[in-house]
Amino acid sequence: MQGNTTASPWYFPMRREARAVHELAITRSLLQIALDKAGQAQARRIGSIKLRIGRLSGYVPEAVEQNFRLLVPGTIAEGAALVLEWMPLRCRCKECGHEHDATPQDCSCPACGAVGFTITGGREMFIESMEVET
């Protein structure tokens, strides 16, 4: 199989072409949401869009930025700043209930040392805020 073959258990390999099309579709949807919201506010221009993206979402920041730049010409978002804020992997310990930031390589509980956990954050991708001119 071609494409990224990262060995992380948190990464599901996808052919490069399929991933590019998938990320383009997601970026197009996010841009459409921003344009719709700006239209509802009767904005003349979008100055910036802040996205929150979870570490486990599988999105590549460079691809999101490149797709955004590809899609905005001719829209009120042309020239807008795209701000990406990465959200950490969050886990809740199944033993003691402690919630903490983690990495895919180490989700053990810093409070009790247990390794059983439930993922509570890190998969999200949404528009946090926008700056518009009316």
N, C-alpha and C. Protein backbone atom coordinates (compact mmCIF):
# COMPACT_ATOMS: atom_id res chain seq x y z
N MET A 1 0.84 -1.17 0.00
CA MET A 1 0.00 0.00 0.00
C MET A 1 0.88 1.23 0.00
N GLN A 2 0.59 2.18 -0.87
CA GLN A 2 1.37 3.41 -0.93
C GLN A 2 0.85 4.39 0.11
N GLY A 3 1.63 5.45 0.37
CA GLY A 3 1.19 6.49 1.30
C GLY A 3 1.98 6.40 2.59
N ASN A 4 1.54 7.14 3.56
CA ASN A 4 2.21 7.20 4.84
C ASN A 4 2.00 5.88 5.58
N THR A 5 3.08 5.34 6.11
CA THR A 5 2.99 4.08 6.83
C THR A 5 3.51 4.24 8.25
N THR A 6 3.23 5.38 8.87
CA THR A 6 3.65 5.65 10.23
C THR A 6 3.18 4.51 11.13
N ALA A 7 4.05 4.08 12.04
CA ALA A 7 3.75 2.92 12.87
C ALA A 7 2.92 3.25 14.09
N SER A 8 2.58 4.51 14.33
CA SER A 8 1.81 4.89 15.50
C SER A 8 0.46 4.19 15.51
N PRO A 9 0.02 3.70 16.68
CA PRO A 9 -1.31 3.09 16.75
C PRO A 9 -2.43 4.12 16.62
N TRP A 10 -2.10 5.38 16.60
CA TRP A 10 -3.10 6.45 16.52
C TRP A 10 -3.27 6.93 15.09
N TYR A 11 -2.55 6.36 14.16
CA TYR A 11 -2.61 6.82 12.78
C TYR A 11 -3.16 5.69 11.93
N PHE A 12 -4.18 6.00 11.16
CA PHE A 12 -4.74 5.00 10.27
C PHE A 12 -4.28 5.33 8.86
N PRO A 13 -3.40 4.51 8.29
CA PRO A 13 -2.84 4.82 6.97
C PRO A 13 -3.91 5.00 5.91
N MET A 14 -3.70 5.97 5.07
CA MET A 14 -4.59 6.26 3.96
C MET A 14 -3.71 6.65 2.79
N ARG A 15 -4.06 6.19 1.62
CA ARG A 15 -3.27 6.57 0.46
C ARG A 15 -3.19 8.08 0.37
N ARG A 16 -2.05 8.59 -0.03
CA ARG A 16 -1.79 10.04 -0.09
C ARG A 16 -2.87 10.75 -0.91
N GLU A 17 -3.28 10.17 -2.04
CA GLU A 17 -4.27 10.82 -2.90
C GLU A 17 -5.62 10.90 -2.18
N ALA A 18 -6.00 9.84 -1.50
CA ALA A 18 -7.27 9.82 -0.77
C ALA A 18 -7.24 10.82 0.38
N ARG A 19 -6.12 10.90 1.09
CA ARG A 19 -5.99 11.84 2.20
C ARG A 19 -6.10 13.27 1.69
N ALA A 20 -5.46 13.59 0.56
CA ALA A 20 -5.50 14.94 0.01
C ALA A 20 -6.93 15.33 -0.36
N VAL A 21 -7.67 14.43 -0.98
CA VAL A 21 -9.05 14.70 -1.36
C VAL A 21 -9.91 14.86 -0.11
N HIS A 22 -9.70 14.02 0.88
CA HIS A 22 -10.45 14.09 2.14
C HIS A 22 -10.21 15.43 2.83
N GLU A 23 -8.95 15.84 2.93
CA GLU A 23 -8.62 17.11 3.59
C GLU A 23 -9.14 18.30 2.80
N LEU A 24 -9.16 18.20 1.49
CA LEU A 24 -9.73 19.27 0.66
C LEU A 24 -11.22 19.40 0.95
N ALA A 25 -11.92 18.29 1.03
CA ALA A 25 -13.36 18.32 1.31
C ALA A 25 -13.65 18.89 2.69
N ILE A 26 -12.87 18.52 3.68
CA ILE A 26 -13.05 19.04 5.03
C ILE A 26 -12.77 20.54 5.06
N THR A 27 -11.70 20.97 4.43
CA THR A 27 -11.36 22.39 4.39
C THR A 27 -12.44 23.18 3.66
N ARG A 28 -12.96 22.61 2.58
CA ARG A 28 -14.05 23.26 1.83
C ARG A 28 -15.27 23.43 2.74
N SER A 29 -15.60 22.41 3.52
CA SER A 29 -16.75 22.49 4.43
C SER A 29 -16.53 23.55 5.51
N LEU A 30 -15.32 23.59 6.07
CA LEU A 30 -15.02 24.60 7.09
C LEU A 30 -15.12 26.01 6.50
N LEU A 31 -14.60 26.20 5.30
CA LEU A 31 -14.68 27.50 4.66
C LEU A 31 -16.14 27.87 4.40
N GLN A 32 -16.93 26.92 3.95
CA GLN A 32 -18.34 27.20 3.68
C GLN A 32 -19.08 27.61 4.95
N ILE A 33 -18.78 26.96 6.06
CA ILE A 33 -19.38 27.33 7.34
C ILE A 33 -18.99 28.77 7.69
N ALA A 34 -17.71 29.10 7.53
CA ALA A 34 -17.24 30.46 7.82
C ALA A 34 -17.93 31.48 6.92
N LEU A 35 -18.05 31.18 5.63
CA LEU A 35 -18.71 32.10 4.70
C LEU A 35 -20.19 32.26 5.04
N ASP A 36 -20.85 31.18 5.42
CA ASP A 36 -22.26 31.24 5.80
C ASP A 36 -22.45 32.12 7.04
N LYS A 37 -21.61 31.91 8.05
CA LYS A 37 -21.71 32.70 9.29
C LYS A 37 -21.40 34.17 9.02
N ALA A 38 -20.40 34.44 8.19
CA ALA A 38 -20.07 35.81 7.83
C ALA A 38 -21.23 36.46 7.07
N GLY A 39 -21.87 35.71 6.21
CA GLY A 39 -23.03 36.21 5.47
C GLY A 39 -24.18 36.55 6.41
N GLN A 40 -24.41 35.70 7.41
CA GLN A 40 -25.46 35.97 8.39
C GLN A 40 -25.19 37.26 9.17
N ALA A 41 -23.89 37.56 9.36
CA ALA A 41 -23.50 38.79 10.08
C ALA A 41 -23.39 39.98 9.12
N GLN A 42 -23.71 39.76 7.86
CA GLN A 42 -23.61 40.78 6.80
C GLN A 42 -22.19 41.36 6.73
N ALA A 43 -21.21 40.47 6.86
CA ALA A 43 -19.80 40.89 6.80
C ALA A 43 -19.40 41.16 5.36
N ARG A 44 -18.52 42.12 5.20
CA ARG A 44 -17.95 42.43 3.89
C ARG A 44 -16.68 41.63 3.66
N ARG A 45 -16.01 41.26 4.76
CA ARG A 45 -14.72 40.59 4.66
C ARG A 45 -14.47 39.76 5.92
N ILE A 46 -13.81 38.63 5.74
CA ILE A 46 -13.33 37.83 6.87
C ILE A 46 -11.85 38.15 7.04
N GLY A 47 -11.47 38.62 8.23
CA GLY A 47 -10.08 38.96 8.50
C GLY A 47 -9.26 37.79 8.97
N SER A 48 -9.88 36.92 9.78
CA SER A 48 -9.16 35.74 10.26
C SER A 48 -10.16 34.66 10.67
N ILE A 49 -9.68 33.43 10.61
CA ILE A 49 -10.44 32.27 11.05
C ILE A 49 -9.53 31.45 11.95
N LYS A 50 -10.00 31.17 13.15
CA LYS A 50 -9.21 30.37 14.09
C LYS A 50 -9.83 28.98 14.17
N LEU A 51 -9.03 27.98 13.81
CA LEU A 51 -9.46 26.59 13.87
C LEU A 51 -8.82 25.90 15.07
N ARG A 52 -9.57 25.05 15.72
CA ARG A 52 -9.03 24.17 16.76
C ARG A 52 -9.02 22.77 16.17
N ILE A 53 -7.84 22.15 16.20
CA ILE A 53 -7.67 20.84 15.60
C ILE A 53 -7.03 19.91 16.62
N GLY A 54 -7.67 18.80 16.89
CA GLY A 54 -7.15 17.82 17.84
C GLY A 54 -5.97 17.06 17.27
N ARG A 55 -5.05 16.71 18.14
CA ARG A 55 -3.84 15.97 17.73
C ARG A 55 -4.18 14.63 17.09
N LEU A 56 -5.32 14.05 17.43
CA LEU A 56 -5.70 12.74 16.87
C LEU A 56 -6.61 12.87 15.66
N SER A 57 -6.88 14.09 15.22
CA SER A 57 -7.82 14.28 14.11
C SER A 57 -7.29 13.72 12.79
N GLY A 58 -5.97 13.63 12.68
CA GLY A 58 -5.38 13.10 11.46
C GLY A 58 -5.13 14.15 10.39
N TYR A 59 -5.46 15.40 10.67
CA TYR A 59 -5.26 16.45 9.68
C TYR A 59 -3.84 16.98 9.73
N VAL A 60 -3.29 17.24 8.57
CA VAL A 60 -1.93 17.76 8.43
C VAL A 60 -2.05 19.28 8.28
N PRO A 61 -1.42 20.05 9.19
CA PRO A 61 -1.59 21.50 9.15
C PRO A 61 -1.22 22.13 7.81
N GLU A 62 -0.16 21.66 7.19
CA GLU A 62 0.25 22.22 5.91
C GLU A 62 -0.82 22.00 4.85
N ALA A 63 -1.48 20.84 4.88
CA ALA A 63 -2.52 20.53 3.90
C ALA A 63 -3.74 21.42 4.12
N VAL A 64 -4.12 21.61 5.38
CA VAL A 64 -5.26 22.48 5.69
C VAL A 64 -4.97 23.90 5.19
N GLU A 65 -3.78 24.41 5.49
CA GLU A 65 -3.41 25.76 5.06
C GLU A 65 -3.36 25.87 3.54
N GLN A 66 -2.76 24.89 2.88
CA GLN A 66 -2.66 24.91 1.42
C GLN A 66 -4.04 24.86 0.78
N ASN A 67 -4.91 23.99 1.28
CA ASN A 67 -6.26 23.89 0.75
C ASN A 67 -7.04 25.18 0.97
N PHE A 68 -6.86 25.78 2.13
CA PHE A 68 -7.53 27.04 2.43
C PHE A 68 -7.12 28.11 1.42
N ARG A 69 -5.82 28.22 1.16
CA ARG A 69 -5.31 29.22 0.20
C ARG A 69 -5.82 28.92 -1.21
N LEU A 70 -6.02 27.67 -1.52
CA LEU A 70 -6.54 27.27 -2.83
C LEU A 70 -8.01 27.65 -3.00
N LEU A 71 -8.77 27.60 -1.91
CA LEU A 71 -10.22 27.78 -1.97
C LEU A 71 -10.71 29.21 -1.78
N VAL A 72 -9.93 30.09 -1.14
CA VAL A 72 -10.45 31.41 -0.78
C VAL A 72 -10.48 32.47 -1.89
N PRO A 73 -9.67 32.37 -2.95
CA PRO A 73 -9.72 33.44 -3.97
C PRO A 73 -11.14 33.66 -4.49
N GLY A 74 -11.51 34.96 -4.56
CA GLY A 74 -12.83 35.32 -5.06
C GLY A 74 -13.92 35.30 -4.00
N THR A 75 -13.58 34.98 -2.76
CA THR A 75 -14.55 34.98 -1.66
C THR A 75 -14.21 36.11 -0.70
N ILE A 76 -15.08 36.38 0.24
CA ILE A 76 -14.80 37.42 1.23
C ILE A 76 -13.74 36.96 2.23
N ALA A 77 -13.29 35.73 2.13
CA ALA A 77 -12.21 35.22 2.98
C ALA A 77 -10.84 35.37 2.32
N GLU A 78 -10.81 35.88 1.09
CA GLU A 78 -9.53 36.06 0.41
C GLU A 78 -8.65 37.00 1.24
N GLY A 79 -7.44 36.57 1.52
CA GLY A 79 -6.52 37.35 2.33
C GLY A 79 -6.66 37.14 3.83
N ALA A 80 -7.62 36.33 4.24
CA ALA A 80 -7.84 36.08 5.67
C ALA A 80 -6.69 35.28 6.26
N ALA A 81 -6.39 35.57 7.51
CA ALA A 81 -5.39 34.78 8.24
C ALA A 81 -6.07 33.50 8.72
N LEU A 82 -5.38 32.40 8.59
CA LEU A 82 -5.87 31.12 9.11
C LEU A 82 -4.98 30.77 10.30
N VAL A 83 -5.59 30.71 11.47
CA VAL A 83 -4.86 30.44 12.71
C VAL A 83 -5.24 29.04 13.17
N LEU A 84 -4.24 28.17 13.30
CA LEU A 84 -4.49 26.80 13.73
C LEU A 84 -4.03 26.63 15.17
N GLU A 85 -4.93 26.16 16.01
CA GLU A 85 -4.58 25.87 17.41
C GLU A 85 -4.73 24.36 17.61
N TRP A 86 -3.63 23.73 17.97
CA TRP A 86 -3.64 22.28 18.15
C TRP A 86 -4.10 21.95 19.56
N MET A 87 -5.09 21.06 19.64
CA MET A 87 -5.64 20.61 20.92
C MET A 87 -4.93 19.31 21.31
N PRO A 88 -4.57 19.20 22.58
CA PRO A 88 -3.83 18.01 23.02
C PRO A 88 -4.72 16.78 23.10
N LEU A 89 -4.10 15.64 23.12
CA LEU A 89 -4.77 14.39 23.43
C LEU A 89 -5.12 14.46 24.91
N ARG A 90 -6.39 14.24 25.25
CA ARG A 90 -6.84 14.25 26.65
C ARG A 90 -7.35 12.86 27.00
N CYS A 91 -6.95 12.38 28.17
CA CYS A 91 -7.35 11.06 28.63
C CYS A 91 -7.92 11.15 30.03
N ARG A 92 -8.86 10.25 30.34
CA ARG A 92 -9.39 10.11 31.69
C ARG A 92 -9.04 8.70 32.17
N CYS A 93 -8.38 8.65 33.31
CA CYS A 93 -7.95 7.38 33.89
C CYS A 93 -9.16 6.55 34.30
N LYS A 94 -9.17 5.28 33.92
CA LYS A 94 -10.27 4.38 34.28
C LYS A 94 -10.19 3.95 35.75
N GLU A 95 -9.02 4.11 36.35
CA GLU A 95 -8.84 3.70 37.74
C GLU A 95 -9.25 4.80 38.72
N CYS A 96 -8.70 6.01 38.54
CA CYS A 96 -8.93 7.08 39.53
C CYS A 96 -9.74 8.25 38.99
N GLY A 97 -10.01 8.28 37.67
CA GLY A 97 -10.82 9.34 37.09
C GLY A 97 -10.07 10.62 36.77
N HIS A 98 -8.78 10.65 37.03
CA HIS A 98 -7.98 11.85 36.75
C HIS A 98 -7.95 12.11 35.25
N GLU A 99 -8.21 13.36 34.84
CA GLU A 99 -8.14 13.72 33.42
C GLU A 99 -6.86 14.50 33.19
N HIS A 100 -6.15 14.17 32.10
CA HIS A 100 -4.84 14.76 31.86
C HIS A 100 -4.51 14.80 30.37
N ASP A 101 -3.57 15.70 30.00
CA ASP A 101 -3.02 15.71 28.65
C ASP A 101 -2.06 14.54 28.53
N ALA A 102 -2.00 13.98 27.35
CA ALA A 102 -1.14 12.82 27.14
C ALA A 102 -0.55 12.87 25.73
N THR A 103 0.28 11.91 25.43
CA THR A 103 0.79 11.73 24.08
C THR A 103 0.39 10.33 23.64
N PRO A 104 0.33 10.08 22.34
CA PRO A 104 0.00 8.73 21.89
C PRO A 104 0.99 7.68 22.41
N GLN A 105 2.21 8.12 22.71
CA GLN A 105 3.22 7.19 23.21
C GLN A 105 3.07 6.92 24.69
N ASP A 106 2.41 7.82 25.44
CA ASP A 106 2.28 7.64 26.89
C ASP A 106 0.98 8.24 27.39
N CYS A 107 0.00 7.37 27.61
CA CYS A 107 -1.29 7.80 28.15
C CYS A 107 -1.44 7.38 29.61
N SER A 108 -0.36 6.93 30.22
CA SER A 108 -0.47 6.49 31.61
C SER A 108 -0.85 7.67 32.50
N CYS A 109 -1.55 7.36 33.58
CA CYS A 109 -2.07 8.37 34.48
C CYS A 109 -0.94 8.94 35.34
N PRO A 110 -0.75 10.26 35.33
CA PRO A 110 0.29 10.85 36.17
C PRO A 110 -0.08 10.82 37.66
N ALA A 111 -1.37 10.61 37.97
CA ALA A 111 -1.81 10.60 39.37
C ALA A 111 -1.60 9.23 40.03
N CYS A 112 -1.96 8.15 39.30
CA CYS A 112 -1.88 6.83 39.93
C CYS A 112 -1.00 5.83 39.16
N GLY A 113 -0.59 6.19 37.94
CA GLY A 113 0.28 5.32 37.16
C GLY A 113 -0.45 4.27 36.33
N ALA A 114 -1.76 4.18 36.44
CA ALA A 114 -2.52 3.18 35.69
C ALA A 114 -2.43 3.47 34.19
N VAL A 115 -2.61 2.44 33.36
CA VAL A 115 -2.54 2.60 31.91
C VAL A 115 -3.89 2.50 31.23
N GLY A 116 -4.95 2.18 31.96
CA GLY A 116 -6.29 2.13 31.37
C GLY A 116 -6.86 3.54 31.28
N PHE A 117 -7.39 3.92 30.12
CA PHE A 117 -7.87 5.28 29.94
C PHE A 117 -8.99 5.33 28.91
N THR A 118 -9.71 6.44 28.95
CA THR A 118 -10.71 6.78 27.94
C THR A 118 -10.27 8.09 27.32
N ILE A 119 -10.28 8.17 26.00
CA ILE A 119 -9.92 9.40 25.32
C ILE A 119 -11.08 10.38 25.45
N THR A 120 -10.80 11.58 25.95
CA THR A 120 -11.84 12.60 26.13
C THR A 120 -11.64 13.81 25.22
N GLY A 121 -10.52 13.89 24.54
CA GLY A 121 -10.29 15.02 23.64
C GLY A 121 -9.10 14.76 22.74
N GLY A 122 -9.07 15.49 21.64
CA GLY A 122 -7.96 15.37 20.71
C GLY A 122 -8.37 14.95 19.32
N ARG A 123 -9.67 14.67 19.12
CA ARG A 123 -10.15 14.26 17.80
C ARG A 123 -10.91 15.39 17.09
N GLU A 124 -11.14 16.50 17.78
CA GLU A 124 -12.00 17.55 17.27
C GLU A 124 -11.35 18.38 16.17
N MET A 125 -12.21 19.03 15.40
CA MET A 125 -11.79 20.03 14.42
C MET A 125 -12.97 20.95 14.22
N PHE A 126 -12.82 22.22 14.63
CA PHE A 126 -13.93 23.16 14.51
C PHE A 126 -13.42 24.59 14.44
N ILE A 127 -14.30 25.48 14.02
CA ILE A 127 -13.99 26.91 13.98
C ILE A 127 -14.20 27.45 15.38
N GLU A 128 -13.15 27.93 15.98
CA GLU A 128 -13.20 28.51 17.33
C GLU A 128 -13.75 29.94 17.27
N SER A 129 -13.26 30.73 16.31
CA SER A 129 -13.69 32.11 16.20
C SER A 129 -13.33 32.67 14.82
N MET A 130 -13.93 33.81 14.50
CA MET A 130 -13.62 34.52 13.26
C MET A 130 -13.64 36.02 13.55
N GLU A 131 -12.81 36.73 12.82
CA GLU A 131 -12.87 38.19 12.83
C GLU A 131 -13.41 38.61 11.47
N VAL A 132 -14.43 39.46 11.51
CA VAL A 132 -15.05 39.92 10.26
C VAL A 132 -15.16 41.43 10.26
N GLU A 133 -15.25 41.99 9.07
CA GLU A 133 -15.51 43.42 8.89
C GLU A 133 -16.91 43.57 8.31
N THR A 134 -17.69 44.43 8.93
CA THR A 134 -19.06 44.65 8.44
C THR A 134 -19.20 46.00 7.78
